[in-house]
Amino acid sequence: MIFNTGAALLDTIVLSVVSKEIDGTYGYKITQDVRNALDVSESTLYPVLRRLLKDNCLETYDQEYQGRNRRYYKITPQGQAQLQMYRQEWTIYVQKINRIIEEGK
């Protein structure tokens, strides 16, 4: 993707990915799902996860998997509300950009 990915867009994408799993999902899977849309590294995504935890948009729990501890991330009600607001803002943003691009044809 040649367009800049700001913090709000990364937050939106991460919250969207995590919200798809009722019981939450783990960091590596989040990274893989986000990479399907954007070229980002784990070193970019883990600070996003930490920020969303700090902002109470995500919560974590640990669960054993194949003899190892795996940290799962789950969206909170506050995270759901934030995601809803991001989705509304995204819709408005896309409409405005599309209008500008379409007028230029």
N, C-alpha and C. Protein backbone atom coordinates (compact mmCIF):
# COMPACT_ATOMS: atom_id res chain seq x y z
N MET A 1 0.85 -1.18 0.00
CA MET A 1 0.00 0.00 0.00
C MET A 1 0.89 1.24 0.00
N ILE A 2 0.62 2.16 -0.88
CA ILE A 2 1.47 3.34 -0.99
C ILE A 2 1.01 4.49 -0.11
N PHE A 3 -0.16 4.36 0.51
CA PHE A 3 -0.69 5.42 1.34
C PHE A 3 -0.21 5.26 2.78
N ASN A 4 -0.03 6.38 3.47
CA ASN A 4 0.43 6.37 4.85
C ASN A 4 -0.61 5.74 5.78
N THR A 5 -0.13 4.90 6.69
CA THR A 5 -1.03 4.27 7.66
C THR A 5 -0.79 4.92 9.01
N GLY A 6 -1.68 5.80 9.40
CA GLY A 6 -1.55 6.48 10.68
C GLY A 6 -2.02 5.61 11.83
N ALA A 7 -1.84 6.14 13.03
CA ALA A 7 -2.18 5.40 14.25
C ALA A 7 -3.66 5.05 14.30
N ALA A 8 -4.53 5.98 13.92
CA ALA A 8 -5.97 5.70 13.99
C ALA A 8 -6.36 4.57 13.04
N LEU A 9 -5.76 4.54 11.86
CA LEU A 9 -6.08 3.47 10.91
C LEU A 9 -5.58 2.12 11.43
N LEU A 10 -4.37 2.10 11.99
CA LEU A 10 -3.86 0.85 12.57
C LEU A 10 -4.73 0.39 13.73
N ASP A 11 -5.14 1.33 14.59
CA ASP A 11 -6.04 0.98 15.70
C ASP A 11 -7.32 0.37 15.16
N THR A 12 -7.88 0.98 14.14
CA THR A 12 -9.13 0.49 13.55
C THR A 12 -8.97 -0.93 13.02
N ILE A 13 -7.90 -1.16 12.30
CA ILE A 13 -7.67 -2.48 11.71
C ILE A 13 -7.45 -3.53 12.79
N VAL A 14 -6.64 -3.21 13.79
CA VAL A 14 -6.39 -4.17 14.88
C VAL A 14 -7.67 -4.46 15.64
N LEU A 15 -8.42 -3.43 15.99
CA LEU A 15 -9.69 -3.65 16.71
C LEU A 15 -10.65 -4.49 15.86
N SER A 16 -10.69 -4.24 14.57
CA SER A 16 -11.55 -5.02 13.67
C SER A 16 -11.15 -6.48 13.66
N VAL A 17 -9.85 -6.74 13.55
CA VAL A 17 -9.36 -8.12 13.53
C VAL A 17 -9.69 -8.83 14.85
N VAL A 18 -9.42 -8.17 15.96
CA VAL A 18 -9.66 -8.79 17.27
C VAL A 18 -11.15 -9.00 17.51
N SER A 19 -11.98 -8.08 17.04
CA SER A 19 -13.43 -8.17 17.29
C SER A 19 -14.08 -9.36 16.58
N LYS A 20 -13.42 -9.90 15.57
CA LYS A 20 -14.00 -11.02 14.82
C LYS A 20 -13.99 -12.32 15.61
N GLU A 21 -13.16 -12.40 16.64
CA GLU A 21 -13.05 -13.61 17.46
C GLU A 21 -13.67 -13.34 18.83
N ILE A 22 -14.78 -13.98 19.13
CA ILE A 22 -15.50 -13.74 20.39
C ILE A 22 -14.61 -13.98 21.60
N ASP A 23 -13.81 -15.04 21.56
CA ASP A 23 -12.95 -15.38 22.69
C ASP A 23 -11.58 -14.71 22.61
N GLY A 24 -11.37 -13.86 21.63
CA GLY A 24 -10.10 -13.19 21.47
C GLY A 24 -9.18 -13.96 20.54
N THR A 25 -8.04 -13.38 20.27
CA THR A 25 -7.05 -13.99 19.39
C THR A 25 -5.66 -13.59 19.85
N TYR A 26 -4.66 -14.29 19.38
CA TYR A 26 -3.29 -14.07 19.87
C TYR A 26 -2.50 -13.19 18.90
N GLY A 27 -1.41 -12.65 19.42
CA GLY A 27 -0.62 -11.66 18.70
C GLY A 27 -0.16 -12.06 17.32
N TYR A 28 0.37 -13.28 17.18
CA TYR A 28 0.88 -13.70 15.88
C TYR A 28 -0.25 -13.74 14.84
N LYS A 29 -1.42 -14.24 15.24
CA LYS A 29 -2.56 -14.31 14.31
C LYS A 29 -3.03 -12.90 13.94
N ILE A 30 -3.03 -12.00 14.91
CA ILE A 30 -3.39 -10.61 14.62
C ILE A 30 -2.43 -10.05 13.58
N THR A 31 -1.14 -10.29 13.78
CA THR A 31 -0.13 -9.81 12.83
C THR A 31 -0.38 -10.36 11.44
N GLN A 32 -0.65 -11.65 11.34
CA GLN A 32 -0.89 -12.27 10.03
C GLN A 32 -2.14 -11.70 9.37
N ASP A 33 -3.21 -11.53 10.14
CA ASP A 33 -4.45 -10.99 9.58
C ASP A 33 -4.27 -9.55 9.10
N VAL A 34 -3.55 -8.74 9.88
CA VAL A 34 -3.31 -7.35 9.48
C VAL A 34 -2.42 -7.32 8.24
N ARG A 35 -1.44 -8.20 8.17
CA ARG A 35 -0.54 -8.25 7.00
C ARG A 35 -1.27 -8.63 5.72
N ASN A 36 -2.43 -9.24 5.83
CA ASN A 36 -3.23 -9.51 4.63
C ASN A 36 -3.70 -8.22 3.98
N ALA A 37 -3.78 -7.14 4.77
CA ALA A 37 -4.24 -5.86 4.24
C ALA A 37 -3.10 -4.85 4.09
N LEU A 38 -2.14 -4.89 5.01
CA LEU A 38 -1.07 -3.89 5.03
C LEU A 38 0.28 -4.56 5.21
N ASP A 39 1.30 -3.92 4.71
CA ASP A 39 2.66 -4.40 4.91
C ASP A 39 3.22 -3.76 6.18
N VAL A 40 2.99 -4.41 7.32
CA VAL A 40 3.48 -3.90 8.61
C VAL A 40 4.24 -5.01 9.33
N SER A 41 5.13 -4.60 10.19
CA SER A 41 5.94 -5.57 10.94
C SER A 41 5.36 -5.79 12.33
N GLU A 42 5.80 -6.87 12.96
CA GLU A 42 5.39 -7.13 14.34
C GLU A 42 5.84 -5.99 15.23
N SER A 43 7.01 -5.42 14.95
CA SER A 43 7.52 -4.33 15.78
C SER A 43 6.64 -3.08 15.67
N THR A 44 5.84 -2.99 14.64
CA THR A 44 4.87 -1.90 14.51
C THR A 44 3.59 -2.24 15.25
N LEU A 45 3.16 -3.49 15.18
CA LEU A 45 1.86 -3.87 15.73
C LEU A 45 1.85 -4.04 17.24
N TYR A 46 2.91 -4.54 17.83
CA TYR A 46 2.88 -4.76 19.28
C TYR A 46 2.74 -3.45 20.07
N PRO A 47 3.35 -2.34 19.67
CA PRO A 47 3.06 -1.08 20.36
C PRO A 47 1.59 -0.66 20.20
N VAL A 48 0.98 -0.97 19.06
CA VAL A 48 -0.45 -0.68 18.87
C VAL A 48 -1.26 -1.49 19.87
N LEU A 49 -0.94 -2.76 20.01
CA LEU A 49 -1.65 -3.61 20.98
C LEU A 49 -1.47 -3.06 22.40
N ARG A 50 -0.26 -2.65 22.75
CA ARG A 50 -0.02 -2.10 24.09
C ARG A 50 -0.81 -0.82 24.31
N ARG A 51 -0.88 0.03 23.30
CA ARG A 51 -1.63 1.28 23.43
C ARG A 51 -3.12 1.00 23.61
N LEU A 52 -3.64 0.05 22.82
CA LEU A 52 -5.06 -0.30 22.93
C LEU A 52 -5.37 -0.94 24.29
N LEU A 53 -4.43 -1.68 24.84
CA LEU A 53 -4.59 -2.21 26.20
C LEU A 53 -4.63 -1.07 27.22
N LYS A 54 -3.69 -0.15 27.10
CA LYS A 54 -3.60 0.99 28.01
C LYS A 54 -4.87 1.84 27.95
N ASP A 55 -5.46 1.95 26.77
CA ASP A 55 -6.67 2.75 26.58
C ASP A 55 -7.94 1.96 26.91
N ASN A 56 -7.78 0.75 27.44
CA ASN A 56 -8.91 -0.12 27.82
C ASN A 56 -9.79 -0.52 26.64
N CYS A 57 -9.22 -0.54 25.45
CA CYS A 57 -9.95 -1.02 24.27
C CYS A 57 -9.78 -2.53 24.10
N LEU A 58 -8.71 -3.05 24.67
CA LEU A 58 -8.44 -4.49 24.64
C LEU A 58 -8.14 -4.96 26.05
N GLU A 59 -8.36 -6.25 26.27
CA GLU A 59 -7.92 -6.90 27.50
C GLU A 59 -7.19 -8.17 27.10
N THR A 60 -6.39 -8.70 28.00
CA THR A 60 -5.63 -9.91 27.68
C THR A 60 -5.90 -11.00 28.69
N TYR A 61 -5.67 -12.20 28.25
CA TYR A 61 -5.62 -13.35 29.15
C TYR A 61 -4.63 -14.34 28.55
N ASP A 62 -4.06 -15.16 29.41
CA ASP A 62 -3.07 -16.14 28.97
C ASP A 62 -3.69 -17.53 28.99
N GLN A 63 -3.30 -18.33 28.01
CA GLN A 63 -3.80 -19.70 27.91
C GLN A 63 -2.67 -20.58 27.39
N GLU A 64 -2.58 -21.77 27.94
CA GLU A 64 -1.54 -22.69 27.50
C GLU A 64 -1.90 -23.26 26.13
N TYR A 65 -0.89 -23.32 25.27
CA TYR A 65 -1.06 -23.90 23.95
C TYR A 65 0.20 -24.69 23.62
N GLN A 66 0.06 -25.98 23.42
CA GLN A 66 1.18 -26.87 23.11
C GLN A 66 2.34 -26.69 24.09
N GLY A 67 1.99 -26.63 25.37
CA GLY A 67 2.99 -26.55 26.43
C GLY A 67 3.58 -25.17 26.66
N ARG A 68 3.10 -24.18 25.91
CA ARG A 68 3.61 -22.81 26.06
C ARG A 68 2.46 -21.88 26.39
N ASN A 69 2.81 -20.79 27.03
CA ASN A 69 1.82 -19.78 27.36
C ASN A 69 1.59 -18.88 26.15
N ARG A 70 0.33 -18.67 25.80
CA ARG A 70 -0.01 -17.81 24.67
C ARG A 70 -0.92 -16.69 25.19
N ARG A 71 -0.58 -15.45 24.85
CA ARG A 71 -1.37 -14.30 25.29
C ARG A 71 -2.44 -14.01 24.24
N TYR A 72 -3.68 -13.93 24.71
CA TYR A 72 -4.82 -13.63 23.85
C TYR A 72 -5.29 -12.21 24.12
N TYR A 73 -5.74 -11.56 23.06
CA TYR A 73 -6.29 -10.21 23.13
C TYR A 73 -7.77 -10.28 22.81
N LYS A 74 -8.55 -9.57 23.61
CA LYS A 74 -10.01 -9.57 23.43
C LYS A 74 -10.50 -8.13 23.49
N ILE A 75 -11.44 -7.80 22.62
CA ILE A 75 -11.96 -6.43 22.59
C ILE A 75 -12.90 -6.22 23.78
N THR A 76 -12.84 -5.03 24.36
CA THR A 76 -13.68 -4.66 25.49
C THR A 76 -14.90 -3.88 24.99
N PRO A 77 -15.89 -3.65 25.84
CA PRO A 77 -17.00 -2.78 25.43
C PRO A 77 -16.52 -1.39 24.99
N GLN A 78 -15.53 -0.85 25.68
CA GLN A 78 -14.97 0.44 25.28
C GLN A 78 -14.30 0.33 23.91
N GLY A 79 -13.64 -0.79 23.66
CA GLY A 79 -13.03 -1.02 22.36
C GLY A 79 -14.07 -1.14 21.26
N GLN A 80 -15.19 -1.79 21.57
CA GLN A 80 -16.30 -1.90 20.59
C GLN A 80 -16.83 -0.52 20.24
N ALA A 81 -16.99 0.33 21.27
CA ALA A 81 -17.48 1.69 21.03
C ALA A 81 -16.48 2.49 20.19
N GLN A 82 -15.20 2.33 20.50
CA GLN A 82 -14.16 3.03 19.73
C GLN A 82 -14.16 2.55 18.28
N LEU A 83 -14.28 1.24 18.09
CA LEU A 83 -14.31 0.68 16.74
C LEU A 83 -15.51 1.20 15.96
N GLN A 84 -16.66 1.29 16.61
CA GLN A 84 -17.86 1.82 15.95
C GLN A 84 -17.62 3.26 15.49
N MET A 85 -17.00 4.07 16.36
CA MET A 85 -16.71 5.46 16.00
C MET A 85 -15.72 5.50 14.83
N TYR A 86 -14.68 4.66 14.87
CA TYR A 86 -13.72 4.61 13.77
C TYR A 86 -14.39 4.22 12.46
N ARG A 87 -15.29 3.26 12.52
CA ARG A 87 -16.00 2.83 11.30
C ARG A 87 -16.84 3.96 10.72
N GLN A 88 -17.51 4.71 11.57
CA GLN A 88 -18.31 5.84 11.09
C GLN A 88 -17.41 6.90 10.46
N GLU A 89 -16.31 7.21 11.13
CA GLU A 89 -15.37 8.20 10.59
C GLU A 89 -14.77 7.72 9.27
N TRP A 90 -14.47 6.42 9.19
CA TRP A 90 -13.89 5.86 7.96
C TRP A 90 -14.87 6.00 6.80
N THR A 91 -16.13 5.72 7.03
CA THR A 91 -17.15 5.83 5.98
C THR A 91 -17.22 7.26 5.45
N ILE A 92 -17.21 8.23 6.35
CA ILE A 92 -17.25 9.64 5.94
C ILE A 92 -15.98 9.99 5.16
N TYR A 93 -14.83 9.55 5.65
CA TYR A 93 -13.55 9.82 5.01
C TYR A 93 -13.51 9.26 3.59
N VAL A 94 -13.91 8.01 3.44
CA VAL A 94 -13.89 7.36 2.12
C VAL A 94 -14.84 8.07 1.15
N GLN A 95 -16.00 8.46 1.63
CA GLN A 95 -16.95 9.18 0.77
C GLN A 95 -16.35 10.49 0.27
N LYS A 96 -15.70 11.23 1.16
CA LYS A 96 -15.09 12.51 0.77
C LYS A 96 -13.96 12.29 -0.24
N ILE A 97 -13.10 11.32 0.02
CA ILE A 97 -11.98 11.05 -0.89
C ILE A 97 -12.50 10.57 -2.24
N ASN A 98 -13.48 9.68 -2.23
CA ASN A 98 -14.05 9.19 -3.49
C ASN A 98 -14.66 10.33 -4.30
N ARG A 99 -15.33 11.26 -3.62
CA ARG A 99 -15.90 12.41 -4.32
C ARG A 99 -14.81 13.21 -5.03
N ILE A 100 -13.72 13.46 -4.32
CA ILE A 100 -12.62 14.23 -4.90
C ILE A 100 -12.00 13.48 -6.08
N ILE A 101 -11.76 12.19 -5.91
CA ILE A 101 -11.14 11.40 -6.98
C ILE A 101 -12.06 11.30 -8.18
N GLU A 102 -13.34 11.07 -7.96
CA GLU A 102 -14.29 10.93 -9.07
C GLU A 102 -14.47 12.24 -9.82
N GLU A 103 -14.41 13.38 -9.12
CA GLU A 103 -14.53 14.67 -9.79
C GLU A 103 -13.35 14.93 -10.72
N GLY A 104 -12.21 14.33 -10.41
CA GLY A 104 -11.01 14.56 -11.20
C GLY A 104 -10.95 13.76 -12.49
N LYS A 105 -11.93 12.91 -12.74
CA LYS A 105 -11.91 12.09 -13.96
C LYS A 105 -12.27 12.88 -15.18
